[in-house]
Amino acid sequence: MASSFPYLLMVTAHKALSLYKITTEIRSSANPKSTRKAQLLASLKADSILAPMSLSLRVTAAEIISSIVYSFSHIGCGWSLGIQELHFNKDGEQVSSRLATTVDSQYGITSPRPFATSRGTFGLSLEAEYGGALDAPSILHQKPPTSVSYSHPYLLTSHADNTLTVYLVVSSTTSLYVKGGRRLWGHTSSVGTVQVSDRGKAISVSSHGDEIRIWELEALISTFGAPRVLKEESIQVSPEDQKSATNEGLGILSVVPRCEIRGSPSTATSIPQHIPDIRDCIGFDDERVLLLRESRLGTQSIELYDFT
């Protein structure tokens, strides 16, 4: 899901993308209590939806711009990202649709160019346009990303090789393209999930949740194209261990299995010895991080970290 009040964008496992508007209704003057309803404005069907993916929604004075970011395998540079940007008017009618990929950025090509909308001709158009075989890409991913997060204009992916990759998406009235691209180092194990805000602040979490890093991407964007400087580019925030969290009340505030939510209220439980993998980062701010864990058996739990 993605939201920009009063609009909500959702994609389901049934490959349906839906745009809603949250409306407020007042029942009557005698009963001024208001209710909110979700009005369906548009619904689109996809041929296929591959995880991981990311949704983004932003609203301008005249349009509603929804973006779907997905991963795909490219012969020349391994796993890449595609962006489909859908423009709707305020009544939910689709005005236009644009496509862009990170392929040019992975090859170090900075000038924007039209994207071939035909799926069958896209792979051929790269070599044809640039006259023969291209050099080896500077950014190459042999495996799909473990997580994708897009909050305009920042696009961030996490990977099993302990790294992240950040891109800058340029969206104007006439074009849509991805500018630059840079690998980020700092994690000591596989990165399971990542989330970025439109202010350029991001958080990444290792697959087992034992390493959390905070990134400031705004400064990194200005260094695109420059040689990488070997220095610390993130701040590691280490959760308190189980014993310290119990004694001091810090770290994990609560871990409640899903099966206990419908039953009687329960006190906070400790982390099991074999920690399930992090599935998603639900949200974060300057003081807190909310994570979702899922075990191999399918049981889920929500963790709230407080760093104040």
C-alpha atoms as a PDB file:
ATOM      1  CA  MET A   1       0.000   0.000   0.000  1.00  0.00           C
ATOM      2  CA  ALA A   2       0.910   3.652  -0.453  1.00  0.00           C
ATOM      3  CA  SER A   3      -1.024   6.702   0.652  1.00  0.00           C
ATOM      4  CA  SER A   4      -1.161  10.442   0.169  1.00  0.00           C
ATOM      5  CA  PHE A   5      -4.278  11.637   1.938  1.00  0.00           C
ATOM      6  CA  PRO A   6      -7.013  11.438   0.866  1.00  0.00           C
ATOM      7  CA  TYR A   7      -5.852   8.864  -1.717  1.00  0.00           C
ATOM      8  CA  LEU A   8      -4.809   5.247  -1.150  1.00  0.00           C
ATOM      9  CA  LEU A   9      -3.066   2.920  -3.628  1.00  0.00           C
ATOM     10  CA  MET A  10      -3.181  -0.863  -3.158  1.00  0.00           C
ATOM     11  CA  VAL A  11      -1.975  -3.943  -4.992  1.00  0.00           C
ATOM     12  CA  THR A  12      -3.268  -7.428  -4.177  1.00  0.00           C
ATOM     13  CA  ALA A  13      -2.072 -10.984  -4.669  1.00  0.00           C
ATOM     14  CA  HIS A  14      -4.722 -11.248  -7.404  1.00  0.00           C
ATOM     15  CA  LYS A  15      -2.648  -8.827  -9.543  1.00  0.00           C
ATOM     16  CA  ALA A  16      -5.094  -5.948  -9.168  1.00  0.00           C
ATOM     17  CA  LEU A  17      -3.984  -2.353  -8.632  1.00  0.00           C
ATOM     18  CA  SER A  18      -6.655  -0.138  -7.083  1.00  0.00           C
ATOM     19  CA  LEU A  19      -6.819   3.585  -6.362  1.00  0.00           C
ATOM     20  CA  TYR A  20      -9.168   4.756  -3.599  1.00  0.00           C
ATOM     21  CA  LYS A  21     -10.257   8.120  -2.249  1.00  0.00           C
ATOM     22  CA  ILE A  22     -11.088   8.438   1.439  1.00  0.00           C
ATOM     23  CA  THR A  23     -14.269  10.505   1.768  1.00  0.00           C
ATOM     24  CA  THR A  24     -15.897  11.934   4.866  1.00  0.00           C
ATOM     25  CA  GLU A  25     -19.679  11.856   5.243  1.00  0.00           C
ATOM     26  CA  ILE A  26     -21.819  13.548   7.891  1.00  0.00           C
ATOM     27  CA  ARG A  27     -24.953  11.557   8.583  1.00  0.00           C
ATOM     28  CA  SER A  28     -27.298  14.415   9.521  1.00  0.00           C
ATOM     29  CA  SER A  29     -27.497  17.666  11.459  1.00  0.00           C
ATOM     30  CA  ALA A  30     -29.127  15.810  14.332  1.00  0.00           C
ATOM     31  CA  ASN A  31     -26.309  13.253  14.343  1.00  0.00           C
ATOM     32  CA  PRO A  32     -23.168  15.194  13.344  1.00  0.00           C
ATOM     33  CA  LYS A  33     -20.967  12.154  13.819  1.00  0.00           C
ATOM     34  CA  SER A  34     -18.992  11.697  10.592  1.00  0.00           C
ATOM     35  CA  THR A  35     -17.918   8.469   8.924  1.00  0.00           C
ATOM     36  CA  ARG A  36     -15.150   7.795   6.432  1.00  0.00           C
ATOM     37  CA  LYS A  37     -15.476   5.560   3.400  1.00  0.00           C
ATOM     38  CA  ALA A  38     -13.097   4.360   0.710  1.00  0.00           C
ATOM     39  CA  GLN A  39     -14.371   5.237  -2.775  1.00  0.00           C
ATOM     40  CA  LEU A  40     -12.860   3.210  -5.627  1.00  0.00           C
ATOM     41  CA  LEU A  41     -11.623   5.562  -8.341  1.00  0.00           C
ATOM     42  CA  ALA A  42      -9.701   3.199 -10.633  1.00  0.00           C
ATOM     43  CA  SER A  43      -8.722  -0.458 -10.891  1.00  0.00           C
ATOM     44  CA  LEU A  44      -6.110  -1.978 -13.201  1.00  0.00           C
ATOM     45  CA  LYS A  45      -5.102  -5.588 -13.845  1.00  0.00           C
ATOM     46  CA  ALA A  46      -1.477  -6.701 -14.243  1.00  0.00           C
ATOM     47  CA  ASP A  47      -0.192  -9.610 -16.309  1.00  0.00           C
ATOM     48  CA  SER A  48       2.250 -10.564 -13.590  1.00  0.00           C
ATOM     49  CA  ILE A  49       3.478  -9.145 -10.303  1.00  0.00           C
ATOM     50  CA  LEU A  50       6.865 -10.231  -8.986  1.00  0.00           C
ATOM     51  CA  ALA A  51       8.047  -9.535  -5.461  1.00  0.00           C
ATOM     52  CA  PRO A  52       9.754  -7.510  -4.217  1.00  0.00           C
ATOM     53  CA  MET A  53       8.015  -4.392  -5.429  1.00  0.00           C
ATOM     54  CA  SER A  54       7.198  -0.931  -4.135  1.00  0.00           C
ATOM     55  CA  LEU A  55       4.293   1.481  -4.542  1.00  0.00           C
ATOM     56  CA  SER A  56       4.461   5.257  -4.379  1.00  0.00           C
ATOM     57  CA  LEU A  57       1.704   7.848  -4.518  1.00  0.00           C
ATOM     58  CA  ARG A  58       1.958  11.613  -4.760  1.00  0.00           C
ATOM     59  CA  VAL A  59      -0.623  14.280  -5.510  1.00  0.00           C
ATOM     60  CA  THR A  60      -0.167  17.517  -7.462  1.00  0.00           C
ATOM     61  CA  ALA A  61      -2.613  20.332  -8.038  1.00  0.00           C
ATOM     62  CA  ALA A  62      -4.103  18.638 -11.110  1.00  0.00           C
ATOM     63  CA  GLU A  63      -3.006  14.990 -11.016  1.00  0.00           C
ATOM     64  CA  ILE A  64      -2.611  11.856  -8.939  1.00  0.00           C
ATOM     65  CA  ILE A  65       0.690  10.158  -9.775  1.00  0.00           C
ATOM     66  CA  SER A  66       1.046   6.511  -8.814  1.00  0.00           C
ATOM     67  CA  SER A  67       4.276   4.575  -9.345  1.00  0.00           C
ATOM     68  CA  ILE A  68       4.959   0.847  -9.342  1.00  0.00           C
ATOM     69  CA  VAL A  69       8.580  -0.272  -9.011  1.00  0.00           C
ATOM     70  CA  TYR A  70       9.391  -3.893  -9.866  1.00  0.00           C
ATOM     71  CA  SER A  71      12.490  -6.001 -10.567  1.00  0.00           C
ATOM     72  CA  PHE A  72      13.331  -7.912 -13.742  1.00  0.00           C
ATOM     73  CA  SER A  73      16.301  -9.825 -15.109  1.00  0.00           C
ATOM     74  CA  HIS A  74      18.271  -8.158 -17.916  1.00  0.00           C
ATOM     75  CA  ILE A  75      20.784 -10.086 -20.011  1.00  0.00           C
ATOM     76  CA  GLY A  76      23.401  -7.339 -19.969  1.00  0.00           C
ATOM     77  CA  CYS A  77      23.395  -6.158 -16.356  1.00  0.00           C
ATOM     78  CA  GLY A  78      21.636  -8.804 -14.298  1.00  0.00           C
ATOM     79  CA  TRP A  79      18.714  -7.769 -12.117  1.00  0.00           C
ATOM     80  CA  SER A  80      17.394  -4.293 -12.786  1.00  0.00           C
ATOM     81  CA  LEU A  81      14.408  -2.188 -11.767  1.00  0.00           C
ATOM     82  CA  GLY A  82      11.500  -0.973 -13.839  1.00  0.00           C
ATOM     83  CA  ILE A  83       9.209   1.928 -12.977  1.00  0.00           C
ATOM     84  CA  GLN A  84       5.725   2.406 -14.354  1.00  0.00           C
ATOM     85  CA  GLU A  85       4.237   5.792 -13.615  1.00  0.00           C
ATOM     86  CA  LEU A  86       0.463   6.168 -13.995  1.00  0.00           C
ATOM     87  CA  HIS A  87      -1.145   9.616 -14.109  1.00  0.00           C
ATOM     88  CA  PHE A  88      -4.789  10.021 -13.087  1.00  0.00           C
ATOM     89  CA  ASN A  89      -6.974  13.086 -12.881  1.00  0.00           C
ATOM     90  CA  LYS A  90      -8.841  13.842  -9.666  1.00  0.00           C
ATOM     91  CA  ASP A  91     -11.822  11.799 -10.899  1.00  0.00           C
ATOM     92  CA  GLY A  92      -9.703   8.658 -11.262  1.00  0.00           C
ATOM     93  CA  GLU A  93      -9.482   8.667 -15.069  1.00  0.00           C
ATOM     94  CA  GLN A  94      -6.116   7.527 -16.395  1.00  0.00           C
ATOM     95  CA  VAL A  95      -4.413  10.342 -18.292  1.00  0.00           C
ATOM     96  CA  SER A  96      -1.083   8.771 -19.248  1.00  0.00           C
ATOM     97  CA  SER A  97       1.415   6.025 -18.484  1.00  0.00           C
ATOM     98  CA  ARG A  98       5.220   6.172 -18.641  1.00  0.00           C
ATOM     99  CA  LEU A  99       8.002   3.627 -18.202  1.00  0.00           C
ATOM    100  CA  ALA A 100      11.636   3.845 -17.150  1.00  0.00           C
ATOM    101  CA  THR A 101      14.339   1.429 -15.975  1.00  0.00           C
ATOM    102  CA  THR A 102      17.643   1.521 -14.116  1.00  0.00           C
ATOM    103  CA  VAL A 103      19.504  -0.152 -17.003  1.00  0.00           C
ATOM    104  CA  ASP A 104      21.051   3.091 -18.299  1.00  0.00           C
ATOM    105  CA  SER A 105      22.176   4.031 -14.798  1.00  0.00           C
ATOM    106  CA  GLN A 106      23.783   0.642 -14.286  1.00  0.00           C
ATOM    107  CA  TYR A 107      25.810   1.213 -17.457  1.00  0.00           C
ATOM    108  CA  GLY A 108      26.714   4.755 -16.394  1.00  0.00           C
ATOM    109  CA  ILE A 109      24.619   6.417 -19.113  1.00  0.00           C
ATOM    110  CA  THR A 110      23.348   9.723 -17.748  1.00  0.00           C
ATOM    111  CA  SER A 111      21.433  11.301 -20.643  1.00  0.00           C
ATOM    112  CA  PRO A 112      17.683  10.533 -20.673  1.00  0.00           C
ATOM    113  CA  ARG A 113      16.261   8.795 -23.701  1.00  0.00           C
ATOM    114  CA  PRO A 114      12.803   7.527 -24.682  1.00  0.00           C
ATOM    115  CA  PHE A 115      11.941   4.112 -23.331  1.00  0.00           C
ATOM    116  CA  ALA A 116      10.817   1.457 -25.808  1.00  0.00           C
ATOM    117  CA  THR A 117       7.395   0.355 -24.598  1.00  0.00           C
ATOM    118  CA  SER A 118       7.513  -2.912 -26.512  1.00  0.00           C
ATOM    119  CA  ARG A 119       8.700  -5.633 -24.148  1.00  0.00           C
ATOM    120  CA  GLY A 120      10.127  -7.682 -26.998  1.00  0.00           C
ATOM    121  CA  THR A 121      12.297  -4.902 -28.475  1.00  0.00           C
ATOM    122  CA  PHE A 122      13.695  -3.343 -25.311  1.00  0.00           C
ATOM    123  CA  GLY A 123      16.682  -5.684 -25.001  1.00  0.00           C
ATOM    124  CA  LEU A 124      17.683  -5.057 -28.635  1.00  0.00           C
ATOM    125  CA  SER A 125      17.290  -1.285 -28.529  1.00  0.00           C
ATOM    126  CA  LEU A 126      20.170  -0.788 -26.090  1.00  0.00           C
ATOM    127  CA  GLU A 127      22.909  -2.056 -28.398  1.00  0.00           C
ATOM    128  CA  ALA A 128      21.244  -0.648 -31.498  1.00  0.00           C
ATOM    129  CA  GLU A 129      21.044   2.860 -30.065  1.00  0.00           C
ATOM    130  CA  TYR A 130      24.594   2.996 -28.758  1.00  0.00           C
ATOM    131  CA  GLY A 131      26.181   1.291 -31.754  1.00  0.00           C
ATOM    132  CA  GLY A 132      27.337  -2.187 -30.862  1.00  0.00           C
ATOM    133  CA  ALA A 133      28.126  -3.940 -27.619  1.00  0.00           C
ATOM    134  CA  LEU A 134      28.118  -1.899 -24.428  1.00  0.00           C
ATOM    135  CA  ASP A 135      30.877  -1.932 -21.838  1.00  0.00           C
ATOM    136  CA  ALA A 136      30.425  -3.964 -18.695  1.00  0.00           C
ATOM    137  CA  PRO A 137      27.947  -2.328 -16.303  1.00  0.00           C
ATOM    138  CA  SER A 138      29.301  -0.585 -13.243  1.00  0.00           C
ATOM    139  CA  ILE A 139      26.368  -1.896 -11.193  1.00  0.00           C
ATOM    140  CA  LEU A 140      25.707  -5.615 -11.617  1.00  0.00           C
ATOM    141  CA  HIS A 141      23.309  -7.710  -9.528  1.00  0.00           C
ATOM    142  CA  GLN A 142      23.338 -11.461 -10.103  1.00  0.00           C
ATOM    143  CA  LYS A 143      20.401 -12.047  -7.739  1.00  0.00           C
ATOM    144  CA  PRO A 144      17.093 -10.201  -7.346  1.00  0.00           C
ATOM    145  CA  PRO A 145      16.899  -7.543  -4.634  1.00  0.00           C
ATOM    146  CA  THR A 146      15.651  -8.602  -1.225  1.00  0.00           C
ATOM    147  CA  SER A 147      13.659  -5.379  -0.813  1.00  0.00           C
ATOM    148  CA  VAL A 148      12.685  -2.293  -2.825  1.00  0.00           C
ATOM    149  CA  SER A 149      11.572   1.098  -1.536  1.00  0.00           C
ATOM    150  CA  TYR A 150      10.617   4.156  -3.581  1.00  0.00           C
ATOM    151  CA  SER A 151       9.649   7.542  -2.205  1.00  0.00           C
ATOM    152  CA  HIS A 152      10.058  10.152  -4.902  1.00  0.00           C
ATOM    153  CA  PRO A 153      12.709  10.987  -5.886  1.00  0.00           C
ATOM    154  CA  TYR A 154      14.709   8.360  -3.957  1.00  0.00           C
ATOM    155  CA  LEU A 155      14.806   4.718  -5.078  1.00  0.00           C
ATOM    156  CA  LEU A 156      16.598   2.229  -2.828  1.00  0.00           C
ATOM    157  CA  THR A 157      17.161  -1.528  -3.000  1.00  0.00           C
ATOM    158  CA  SER A 158      18.718  -4.024  -0.591  1.00  0.00           C
ATOM    159  CA  HIS A 159      20.641  -7.152  -1.514  1.00  0.00           C
ATOM    160  CA  ALA A 160      21.830 -10.468  -0.116  1.00  0.00           C
ATOM    161  CA  ASP A 161      25.484  -9.471  -0.696  1.00  0.00           C
ATOM    162  CA  ASN A 162      25.368  -7.054   2.281  1.00  0.00           C
ATOM    163  CA  THR A 163      24.904  -3.950   0.104  1.00  0.00           C
ATOM    164  CA  LEU A 164      22.295  -1.383  -0.908  1.00  0.00           C
ATOM    165  CA  THR A 165      21.881   0.503  -4.178  1.00  0.00           C
ATOM    166  CA  VAL A 166      20.474   4.028  -4.380  1.00  0.00           C
ATOM    167  CA  TYR A 167      19.099   5.772  -7.500  1.00  0.00           C
ATOM    168  CA  LEU A 168      17.516   9.154  -8.171  1.00  0.00           C
ATOM    169  CA  VAL A 169      14.281   9.203 -10.194  1.00  0.00           C
ATOM    170  CA  VAL A 170      13.655  12.283 -12.339  1.00  0.00           C
ATOM    171  CA  SER A 171      10.010  12.863 -13.246  1.00  0.00           C
ATOM    172  CA  SER A 172       9.027  15.955 -15.220  1.00  0.00           C
ATOM    173  CA  THR A 173       6.106  16.895 -17.417  1.00  0.00           C
ATOM    174  CA  THR A 174       7.927  15.562 -20.474  1.00  0.00           C
ATOM    175  CA  SER A 175      10.099  12.662 -19.311  1.00  0.00           C
ATOM    176  CA  LEU A 176      10.742   9.988 -16.732  1.00  0.00           C
ATOM    177  CA  TYR A 177      14.209   8.514 -16.209  1.00  0.00           C
ATOM    178  CA  VAL A 178      16.604   7.281 -13.527  1.00  0.00           C
ATOM    179  CA  LYS A 179      19.701   9.323 -12.795  1.00  0.00           C
ATOM    180  CA  GLY A 180      22.915   7.922 -11.394  1.00  0.00           C
ATOM    181  CA  GLY A 181      23.273   4.912  -9.164  1.00  0.00           C
ATOM    182  CA  ARG A 182      25.568   4.014  -6.305  1.00  0.00           C
ATOM    183  CA  ARG A 183      26.308   0.946  -4.195  1.00  0.00           C
ATOM    184  CA  LEU A 184      26.296   1.430  -0.436  1.00  0.00           C
ATOM    185  CA  TRP A 185      28.451  -0.645   1.905  1.00  0.00           C
ATOM    186  CA  GLY A 186      28.248  -0.975   5.661  1.00  0.00           C
ATOM    187  CA  HIS A 187      26.233  -4.091   6.541  1.00  0.00           C
ATOM    188  CA  THR A 188      28.099  -7.188   7.659  1.00  0.00           C
ATOM    189  CA  SER A 189      25.377  -9.659   6.621  1.00  0.00           C
ATOM    190  CA  SER A 190      22.516  -9.996   4.148  1.00  0.00           C
ATOM    191  CA  VAL A 191      20.177  -6.994   4.123  1.00  0.00           C
ATOM    192  CA  GLY A 192      16.569  -8.108   4.459  1.00  0.00           C
ATOM    193  CA  THR A 193      14.554  -4.919   4.123  1.00  0.00           C
ATOM    194  CA  VAL A 194      14.966  -1.244   3.393  1.00  0.00           C
ATOM    195  CA  GLN A 195      12.733   1.825   3.476  1.00  0.00           C
ATOM    196  CA  VAL A 196      13.340   5.389   2.324  1.00  0.00           C
ATOM    197  CA  SER A 197      11.468   8.647   2.870  1.00  0.00           C
ATOM    198  CA  ASP A 198      11.018  11.545   0.455  1.00  0.00           C
ATOM    199  CA  ARG A 199      13.392  13.580   2.648  1.00  0.00           C
ATOM    200  CA  GLY A 200      16.259  11.263   1.789  1.00  0.00           C
ATOM    201  CA  LYS A 201      16.442   9.458   5.098  1.00  0.00           C
ATOM    202  CA  ALA A 202      16.518   5.663   4.919  1.00  0.00           C
ATOM    203  CA  ILE A 203      16.723   2.664   7.203  1.00  0.00           C
ATOM    204  CA  SER A 204      18.047  -0.801   6.387  1.00  0.00           C
ATOM    205  CA  VAL A 205      17.733  -3.957   8.473  1.00  0.00           C
ATOM    206  CA  SER A 206      19.656  -7.207   8.175  1.00  0.00           C
ATOM    207  CA  SER A 207      17.724 -10.380   7.404  1.00  0.00           C
ATOM    208  CA  HIS A 208      17.725 -11.496  11.046  1.00  0.00           C
ATOM    209  CA  GLY A 209      17.103  -8.007  12.414  1.00  0.00           C
ATOM    210  CA  ASP A 210      20.293  -7.867  14.472  1.00  0.00           C
ATOM    211  CA  GLU A 211      21.786  -4.940  12.540  1.00  0.00           C
ATOM    212  CA  ILE A 212      19.934  -1.700  11.802  1.00  0.00           C
ATOM    213  CA  ARG A 213      21.520   1.158   9.879  1.00  0.00           C
ATOM    214  CA  ILE A 214      20.298   4.707   9.262  1.00  0.00           C
ATOM    215  CA  TRP A 215      21.304   6.496   6.042  1.00  0.00           C
ATOM    216  CA  GLU A 216      21.249  10.125   4.926  1.00  0.00           C
ATOM    217  CA  LEU A 217      20.946   9.901   1.137  1.00  0.00           C
ATOM    218  CA  GLU A 218      20.658  13.568   0.233  1.00  0.00           C
ATOM    219  CA  ALA A 219      24.404  14.112   0.529  1.00  0.00           C
ATOM    220  CA  LEU A 220      25.148  10.902  -1.395  1.00  0.00           C
ATOM    221  CA  ILE A 221      23.073  12.009  -4.387  1.00  0.00           C
ATOM    222  CA  SER A 222      25.405  14.951  -4.995  1.00  0.00           C
ATOM    223  CA  THR A 223      28.370  12.555  -5.339  1.00  0.00           C
ATOM    224  CA  PHE A 224      26.893  10.558  -8.246  1.00  0.00           C
ATOM    225  CA  GLY A 225      29.563  10.132 -10.908  1.00  0.00           C
ATOM    226  CA  ALA A 226      32.417  10.976  -8.545  1.00  0.00           C
ATOM    227  CA  PRO A 227      34.912   8.391  -7.246  1.00  0.00           C
ATOM    228  CA  ARG A 228      33.662   6.647  -4.156  1.00  0.00           C
ATOM    229  CA  VAL A 229      35.202   7.868  -0.924  1.00  0.00           C
ATOM    230  CA  LEU A 230      35.916   5.067   1.529  1.00  0.00           C
ATOM    231  CA  LYS A 231      34.252   6.334   4.658  1.00  0.00           C
ATOM    232  CA  GLU A 232      31.374   5.434   6.925  1.00  0.00           C
ATOM    233  CA  GLU A 233      28.149   6.385   5.148  1.00  0.00           C
ATOM    234  CA  SER A 234      25.629   5.197   7.695  1.00  0.00           C
ATOM    235  CA  ILE A 235      25.027   5.031  11.416  1.00  0.00           C
ATOM    236  CA  GLN A 236      24.515   1.623  12.999  1.00  0.00           C
ATOM    237  CA  VAL A 237      21.858   1.383  15.689  1.00  0.00           C
ATOM    238  CA  SER A 238      22.261  -1.811  17.710  1.00  0.00           C
ATOM    239  CA  PRO A 239      19.172  -3.154  19.505  1.00  0.00           C
ATOM    240  CA  GLU A 240      19.704  -4.008  23.123  1.00  0.00           C
ATOM    241  CA  ASP A 241      20.185  -7.709  23.782  1.00  0.00           C
ATOM    242  CA  GLN A 242      17.429  -9.721  25.418  1.00  0.00           C
ATOM    243  CA  LYS A 243      18.780  -9.433  28.955  1.00  0.00           C
ATOM    244  CA  SER A 244      19.401  -5.703  28.735  1.00  0.00           C
ATOM    245  CA  ALA A 245      16.026  -5.084  27.134  1.00  0.00           C
ATOM    246  CA  THR A 246      14.313  -6.930  29.988  1.00  0.00           C
ATOM    247  CA  ASN A 247      16.166  -5.016  32.678  1.00  0.00           C
ATOM    248  CA  GLU A 248      16.150  -1.539  31.189  1.00  0.00           C
ATOM    249  CA  GLY A 249      12.914  -1.560  29.205  1.00  0.00           C
ATOM    250  CA  LEU A 250      14.684  -0.598  25.969  1.00  0.00           C
ATOM    251  CA  GLY A 251      15.110  -2.283  22.608  1.00  0.00           C
ATOM    252  CA  ILE A 252      12.151  -4.460  21.678  1.00  0.00           C
ATOM    253  CA  LEU A 253       9.032  -3.136  23.342  1.00  0.00           C
ATOM    254  CA  SER A 254       6.769  -6.016  22.428  1.00  0.00           C
ATOM    255  CA  VAL A 255       6.806  -9.181  20.353  1.00  0.00           C
ATOM    256  CA  VAL A 256       3.314 -10.646  20.180  1.00  0.00           C
ATOM    257  CA  PRO A 257       2.660 -13.721  18.007  1.00  0.00           C
ATOM    258  CA  ARG A 258      -0.261 -13.292  15.648  1.00  0.00           C
ATOM    259  CA  CYS A 259      -2.144 -16.179  17.293  1.00  0.00           C
ATOM    260  CA  GLU A 260      -2.253 -14.218  20.580  1.00  0.00           C
ATOM    261  CA  ILE A 261      -3.735 -11.031  19.125  1.00  0.00           C
ATOM    262  CA  ARG A 262      -7.309 -12.301  19.072  1.00  0.00           C
ATOM    263  CA  GLY A 263      -7.080 -13.815  22.531  1.00  0.00           C
ATOM    264  CA  SER A 264      -6.650 -12.186  25.893  1.00  0.00           C
ATOM    265  CA  PRO A 265      -4.092  -9.410  26.248  1.00  0.00           C
ATOM    266  CA  SER A 266      -0.630 -10.766  26.874  1.00  0.00           C
ATOM    267  CA  THR A 267       2.535  -9.249  28.226  1.00  0.00           C
ATOM    268  CA  ALA A 268       5.615  -8.700  26.118  1.00  0.00           C
ATOM    269  CA  THR A 269       7.386 -11.918  25.203  1.00  0.00           C
ATOM    270  CA  SER A 270      11.079 -12.430  24.591  1.00  0.00           C
ATOM    271  CA  ILE A 271      12.681 -13.256  21.285  1.00  0.00           C
ATOM    272  CA  PRO A 272      12.983 -16.993  20.586  1.00  0.00           C
ATOM    273  CA  GLN A 273      16.455 -18.434  20.223  1.00  0.00           C
ATOM    274  CA  HIS A 274      16.027 -18.985  16.483  1.00  0.00           C
ATOM    275  CA  ILE A 275      14.897 -15.570  15.290  1.00  0.00           C
ATOM    276  CA  PRO A 276      12.624 -15.555  12.212  1.00  0.00           C
ATOM    277  CA  ASP A 277      13.700 -13.456   9.250  1.00  0.00           C
ATOM    278  CA  ILE A 278      12.626  -9.867   8.815  1.00  0.00           C
ATOM    279  CA  ARG A 279       9.891  -9.679   6.215  1.00  0.00           C
ATOM    280  CA  ASP A 280       9.223  -5.961   5.948  1.00  0.00           C
ATOM    281  CA  CYS A 281       9.832  -2.566   7.498  1.00  0.00           C
ATOM    282  CA  ILE A 282       6.360  -1.213   8.186  1.00  0.00           C
ATOM    283  CA  GLY A 283       7.503   2.276   9.076  1.00  0.00           C
ATOM    284  CA  PHE A 284      10.048   4.453  10.856  1.00  0.00           C
ATOM    285  CA  ASP A 285      10.639   7.960  12.121  1.00  0.00           C
ATOM    286  CA  ASP A 286      13.427   9.738  13.988  1.00  0.00           C
ATOM    287  CA  GLU A 287      12.900   7.667  17.144  1.00  0.00           C
ATOM    288  CA  ARG A 288      11.173   4.379  16.286  1.00  0.00           C
ATOM    289  CA  VAL A 289      11.257   1.496  13.823  1.00  0.00           C
ATOM    290  CA  LEU A 290       8.383  -0.936  13.243  1.00  0.00           C
ATOM    291  CA  LEU A 291       9.322  -4.329  11.744  1.00  0.00           C
ATOM    292  CA  LEU A 292       7.442  -7.438  10.687  1.00  0.00           C
ATOM    293  CA  ARG A 293       9.001 -10.884  11.224  1.00  0.00           C
ATOM    294  CA  GLU A 294       7.823 -14.122   9.666  1.00  0.00           C
ATOM    295  CA  SER A 295       9.024 -17.625  10.493  1.00  0.00           C
ATOM    296  CA  ARG A 296       9.327 -20.479   8.024  1.00  0.00           C
ATOM    297  CA  LEU A 297       6.075 -21.890   9.431  1.00  0.00           C
ATOM    298  CA  GLY A 298       4.237 -18.699   8.525  1.00  0.00           C
ATOM    299  CA  THR A 299       3.739 -17.273  12.004  1.00  0.00           C
ATOM    300  CA  GLN A 300       4.198 -13.509  12.185  1.00  0.00           C
ATOM    301  CA  SER A 301       5.115 -10.990  14.849  1.00  0.00           C
ATOM    302  CA  ILE A 302       5.504  -7.220  14.949  1.00  0.00           C
ATOM    303  CA  GLU A 303       8.455  -5.572  16.675  1.00  0.00           C
ATOM    304  CA  LEU A 304       8.697  -1.963  17.764  1.00  0.00           C
ATOM    305  CA  TYR A 305      12.181  -0.566  18.417  1.00  0.00           C
ATOM    306  CA  ASP A 306      12.580   2.681  20.355  1.00  0.00           C
ATOM    307  CA  PHE A 307      15.939   4.485  20.180  1.00  0.00           C
ATOM    308  CA  THR A 308      15.141   7.468  22.397  1.00  0.00           C
END
